[in-house]
Amino acid sequence: MIYVILAAVLTVASIVTFALYASDKKKAKANQWRIKESTLVAAGFLMGGLGGVIGMSALRHKTQHIKFKLLVPISLVFNIAVVAAVLYFTGSLPW
């Protein structure tokens, strides 16, 4: 059951994060109000790291900013560590 919950949380958070990156990219092209960079980074650390990494690479958005080059992959590693910790402390590791 814990696997389903973790998968659902990661999937929803990653989709939301990717959507934020896509929306910001669209707004950047249209010269409109933008999403704060701190919001984009925070979304990655709130279990949306995979969506952030995919958003950066697929949309080629924020790829020139050092802050994003460092923090978005770190957020993905953080997400993996959180999942591992949850599985470990709930006794749900498969090995």
N, C-alpha and C. Protein backbone atom coordinates (compact mmCIF):
# COMPACT_ATOMS: atom_id res chain seq x y z
N MET A 1 0.82 -1.19 0.00
CA MET A 1 0.00 0.00 0.00
C MET A 1 0.87 1.27 0.00
N ILE A 2 1.96 1.23 0.75
CA ILE A 2 2.84 2.40 0.82
C ILE A 2 3.44 2.72 -0.55
N TYR A 3 3.67 1.68 -1.36
CA TYR A 3 4.22 1.89 -2.69
C TYR A 3 3.24 2.67 -3.57
N VAL A 4 1.98 2.35 -3.44
CA VAL A 4 0.95 3.03 -4.23
C VAL A 4 0.86 4.49 -3.82
N ILE A 5 0.88 4.74 -2.52
CA ILE A 5 0.80 6.12 -2.02
C ILE A 5 2.00 6.93 -2.48
N LEU A 6 3.20 6.37 -2.33
CA LEU A 6 4.41 7.08 -2.76
C LEU A 6 4.40 7.34 -4.26
N ALA A 7 3.99 6.33 -5.02
CA ALA A 7 3.93 6.50 -6.48
C ALA A 7 2.94 7.59 -6.86
N ALA A 8 1.80 7.63 -6.18
CA ALA A 8 0.78 8.64 -6.48
C ALA A 8 1.29 10.04 -6.13
N VAL A 9 1.91 10.17 -4.97
CA VAL A 9 2.43 11.48 -4.55
C VAL A 9 3.50 11.96 -5.53
N LEU A 10 4.43 11.08 -5.88
CA LEU A 10 5.49 11.46 -6.81
C LEU A 10 4.94 11.81 -8.19
N THR A 11 3.97 11.05 -8.66
CA THR A 11 3.39 11.30 -9.97
C THR A 11 2.66 12.64 -10.02
N VAL A 12 1.79 12.87 -9.04
CA VAL A 12 1.03 14.12 -9.01
C VAL A 12 1.96 15.32 -8.85
N ALA A 13 2.91 15.23 -7.93
CA ALA A 13 3.83 16.35 -7.71
C ALA A 13 4.68 16.62 -8.94
N SER A 14 5.11 15.57 -9.63
CA SER A 14 5.93 15.76 -10.83
C SER A 14 5.12 16.37 -11.96
N ILE A 15 3.88 15.96 -12.11
CA ILE A 15 3.02 16.54 -13.15
C ILE A 15 2.77 18.01 -12.86
N VAL A 16 2.49 18.35 -11.61
CA VAL A 16 2.26 19.74 -11.23
C VAL A 16 3.53 20.57 -11.49
N THR A 17 4.68 20.03 -11.10
CA THR A 17 5.94 20.76 -11.30
C THR A 17 6.22 20.96 -12.79
N PHE A 18 6.03 19.92 -13.58
CA PHE A 18 6.22 20.04 -15.03
C PHE A 18 5.28 21.10 -15.59
N ALA A 19 4.03 21.10 -15.13
CA ALA A 19 3.06 22.09 -15.61
C ALA A 19 3.49 23.51 -15.23
N LEU A 20 4.08 23.68 -14.06
CA LEU A 20 4.59 24.99 -13.67
C LEU A 20 5.70 25.45 -14.61
N TYR A 21 6.61 24.54 -14.94
CA TYR A 21 7.69 24.88 -15.87
C TYR A 21 7.13 25.21 -17.25
N ALA A 22 6.15 24.43 -17.71
CA ALA A 22 5.56 24.67 -19.02
C ALA A 22 4.83 26.02 -19.03
N SER A 23 4.11 26.32 -17.97
CA SER A 23 3.40 27.59 -17.88
C SER A 23 4.38 28.76 -17.86
N ASP A 24 5.45 28.63 -17.10
CA ASP A 24 6.44 29.70 -17.03
C ASP A 24 7.11 29.90 -18.38
N LYS A 25 7.39 28.84 -19.08
CA LYS A 25 8.01 28.94 -20.41
C LYS A 25 7.07 29.67 -21.37
N LYS A 26 5.79 29.30 -21.32
CA LYS A 26 4.80 29.94 -22.19
C LYS A 26 4.68 31.43 -21.87
N LYS A 27 4.67 31.76 -20.57
CA LYS A 27 4.57 33.16 -20.16
C LYS A 27 5.83 33.94 -20.55
N ALA A 28 6.97 33.28 -20.50
CA ALA A 28 8.22 33.95 -20.89
C ALA A 28 8.19 34.32 -22.37
N LYS A 29 7.69 33.41 -23.19
CA LYS A 29 7.61 33.69 -24.62
C LYS A 29 6.62 34.81 -24.93
N ALA A 30 5.55 34.90 -24.13
CA ALA A 30 4.51 35.90 -24.36
C ALA A 30 4.80 37.21 -23.61
N ASN A 31 5.95 37.26 -22.93
CA ASN A 31 6.34 38.44 -22.16
C ASN A 31 5.28 38.83 -21.12
N GLN A 32 4.78 37.82 -20.42
CA GLN A 32 3.76 38.01 -19.39
C GLN A 32 4.35 37.83 -18.01
N TRP A 33 3.50 38.01 -16.99
CA TRP A 33 3.87 37.77 -15.60
C TRP A 33 4.41 36.34 -15.47
N ARG A 34 5.49 36.18 -14.70
CA ARG A 34 6.19 34.90 -14.60
C ARG A 34 6.01 34.27 -13.23
N ILE A 35 6.24 32.98 -13.16
CA ILE A 35 6.23 32.25 -11.91
C ILE A 35 7.57 32.49 -11.23
N LYS A 36 7.55 32.73 -9.92
CA LYS A 36 8.80 32.99 -9.19
C LYS A 36 9.74 31.80 -9.31
N GLU A 37 11.02 32.10 -9.42
CA GLU A 37 12.02 31.04 -9.48
C GLU A 37 11.99 30.21 -8.21
N SER A 38 11.76 30.85 -7.07
CA SER A 38 11.71 30.11 -5.81
C SER A 38 10.55 29.12 -5.79
N THR A 39 9.46 29.46 -6.47
CA THR A 39 8.31 28.54 -6.55
C THR A 39 8.67 27.32 -7.39
N LEU A 40 9.37 27.55 -8.49
CA LEU A 40 9.78 26.43 -9.35
C LEU A 40 10.72 25.48 -8.61
N VAL A 41 11.68 26.05 -7.89
CA VAL A 41 12.63 25.23 -7.14
C VAL A 41 11.92 24.51 -5.99
N ALA A 42 11.07 25.22 -5.28
CA ALA A 42 10.34 24.62 -4.15
C ALA A 42 9.46 23.47 -4.61
N ALA A 43 8.85 23.60 -5.76
CA ALA A 43 8.00 22.52 -6.28
C ALA A 43 8.83 21.25 -6.48
N GLY A 44 10.07 21.39 -6.89
CA GLY A 44 10.94 20.23 -7.03
C GLY A 44 11.22 19.56 -5.70
N PHE A 45 11.45 20.36 -4.68
CA PHE A 45 11.73 19.80 -3.36
C PHE A 45 10.48 19.26 -2.67
N LEU A 46 9.32 19.65 -3.16
CA LEU A 46 8.06 19.11 -2.61
C LEU A 46 7.62 17.89 -3.41
N MET A 47 8.57 17.01 -3.68
CA MET A 47 8.40 15.72 -4.33
C MET A 47 8.16 15.82 -5.84
N GLY A 48 8.44 16.96 -6.44
CA GLY A 48 8.29 17.12 -7.88
C GLY A 48 9.61 17.21 -8.61
N GLY A 49 10.65 16.65 -8.04
CA GLY A 49 11.99 16.74 -8.64
C GLY A 49 12.07 16.17 -10.04
N LEU A 50 11.42 15.04 -10.26
CA LEU A 50 11.45 14.43 -11.60
C LEU A 50 10.76 15.33 -12.61
N GLY A 51 9.64 15.91 -12.25
CA GLY A 51 8.95 16.83 -13.15
C GLY A 51 9.79 18.06 -13.46
N GLY A 52 10.56 18.53 -12.47
CA GLY A 52 11.44 19.66 -12.69
C GLY A 52 12.57 19.34 -13.65
N VAL A 53 13.17 18.17 -13.46
CA VAL A 53 14.26 17.76 -14.35
C VAL A 53 13.74 17.56 -15.77
N ILE A 54 12.60 16.92 -15.89
CA ILE A 54 12.01 16.71 -17.23
C ILE A 54 11.60 18.05 -17.83
N GLY A 55 11.02 18.93 -17.02
CA GLY A 55 10.61 20.24 -17.52
C GLY A 55 11.78 21.06 -18.03
N MET A 56 12.87 21.01 -17.29
CA MET A 56 14.06 21.75 -17.72
C MET A 56 14.61 21.21 -19.03
N SER A 57 14.70 19.89 -19.13
CA SER A 57 15.34 19.31 -20.32
C SER A 57 14.40 19.29 -21.53
N ALA A 58 13.16 18.88 -21.33
CA ALA A 58 12.23 18.77 -22.46
C ALA A 58 11.83 20.13 -23.01
N LEU A 59 11.64 21.10 -22.11
CA LEU A 59 11.21 22.43 -22.53
C LEU A 59 12.38 23.38 -22.75
N ARG A 60 13.57 22.94 -22.40
CA ARG A 60 14.77 23.78 -22.44
C ARG A 60 14.50 25.10 -21.73
N HIS A 61 14.03 24.97 -20.50
CA HIS A 61 13.66 26.14 -19.72
C HIS A 61 14.52 26.21 -18.46
N LYS A 62 15.10 27.37 -18.21
CA LYS A 62 15.95 27.63 -17.05
C LYS A 62 17.24 26.83 -17.08
N THR A 63 17.66 26.38 -18.23
CA THR A 63 18.86 25.54 -18.31
C THR A 63 20.15 26.34 -18.23
N GLN A 64 20.08 27.64 -18.38
CA GLN A 64 21.28 28.47 -18.31
C GLN A 64 21.53 29.05 -16.93
N HIS A 65 20.59 28.86 -16.02
CA HIS A 65 20.72 29.41 -14.68
C HIS A 65 21.43 28.41 -13.77
N ILE A 66 22.52 28.84 -13.16
CA ILE A 66 23.31 27.98 -12.28
C ILE A 66 22.45 27.46 -11.13
N LYS A 67 21.60 28.32 -10.59
CA LYS A 67 20.74 27.91 -9.47
C LYS A 67 19.90 26.69 -9.87
N PHE A 68 19.36 26.71 -11.06
CA PHE A 68 18.51 25.60 -11.50
C PHE A 68 19.35 24.38 -11.87
N LYS A 69 20.51 24.61 -12.48
CA LYS A 69 21.39 23.48 -12.84
C LYS A 69 21.81 22.69 -11.60
N LEU A 70 21.91 23.36 -10.46
CA LEU A 70 22.32 22.71 -9.22
C LEU A 70 21.12 22.21 -8.41
N LEU A 71 20.17 23.09 -8.17
CA LEU A 71 19.10 22.77 -7.23
C LEU A 71 18.06 21.78 -7.76
N VAL A 72 17.76 21.81 -9.04
CA VAL A 72 16.75 20.89 -9.56
C VAL A 72 17.23 19.43 -9.50
N PRO A 73 18.44 19.11 -9.93
CA PRO A 73 18.90 17.73 -9.73
C PRO A 73 19.03 17.35 -8.25
N ILE A 74 19.44 18.31 -7.42
CA ILE A 74 19.52 18.04 -5.99
C ILE A 74 18.13 17.73 -5.44
N SER A 75 17.11 18.42 -5.95
CA SER A 75 15.75 18.14 -5.48
C SER A 75 15.33 16.72 -5.84
N LEU A 76 15.75 16.23 -7.01
CA LEU A 76 15.44 14.86 -7.40
C LEU A 76 16.13 13.87 -6.47
N VAL A 77 17.38 14.11 -6.14
CA VAL A 77 18.11 13.26 -5.20
C VAL A 77 17.45 13.31 -3.82
N PHE A 78 17.01 14.50 -3.41
CA PHE A 78 16.30 14.65 -2.15
C PHE A 78 15.01 13.84 -2.16
N ASN A 79 14.28 13.88 -3.26
CA ASN A 79 13.04 13.10 -3.37
C ASN A 79 13.31 11.61 -3.23
N ILE A 80 14.37 11.14 -3.87
CA ILE A 80 14.74 9.72 -3.77
C ILE A 80 15.10 9.37 -2.34
N ALA A 81 15.83 10.25 -1.66
CA ALA A 81 16.20 10.01 -0.27
C ALA A 81 14.97 9.97 0.64
N VAL A 82 14.02 10.84 0.39
CA VAL A 82 12.78 10.84 1.19
C VAL A 82 12.02 9.53 0.98
N VAL A 83 11.91 9.09 -0.25
CA VAL A 83 11.22 7.82 -0.53
C VAL A 83 11.94 6.67 0.16
N ALA A 84 13.27 6.65 0.06
CA ALA A 84 14.04 5.59 0.71
C ALA A 84 13.85 5.62 2.22
N ALA A 85 13.85 6.80 2.81
CA ALA A 85 13.66 6.93 4.25
C ALA A 85 12.27 6.46 4.67
N VAL A 86 11.27 6.83 3.91
CA VAL A 86 9.90 6.39 4.22
C VAL A 86 9.81 4.87 4.15
N LEU A 87 10.37 4.29 3.11
CA LEU A 87 10.34 2.83 2.98
C LEU A 87 11.13 2.16 4.09
N TYR A 88 12.26 2.73 4.45
CA TYR A 88 13.09 2.16 5.51
C TYR A 88 12.37 2.20 6.86
N PHE A 89 11.86 3.37 7.21
CA PHE A 89 11.26 3.53 8.54
C PHE A 89 9.88 2.89 8.67
N THR A 90 9.26 2.57 7.55
CA THR A 90 7.99 1.83 7.63
C THR A 90 8.21 0.34 7.48
N GLY A 91 9.46 -0.07 7.32
CA GLY A 91 9.77 -1.49 7.17
C GLY A 91 9.29 -2.07 5.87
N SER A 92 9.21 -1.24 4.84
CA SER A 92 8.64 -1.67 3.57
C SER A 92 9.69 -1.91 2.49
N LEU A 93 10.95 -1.87 2.83
CA LEU A 93 11.98 -2.14 1.83
C LEU A 93 11.87 -3.58 1.36
N PRO A 94 12.02 -3.81 0.07
CA PRO A 94 11.88 -5.18 -0.45
C PRO A 94 13.05 -6.09 -0.16
N TRP A 95 14.16 -5.55 0.35
CA TRP A 95 15.31 -6.40 0.64
C TRP A 95 15.61 -6.45 2.10
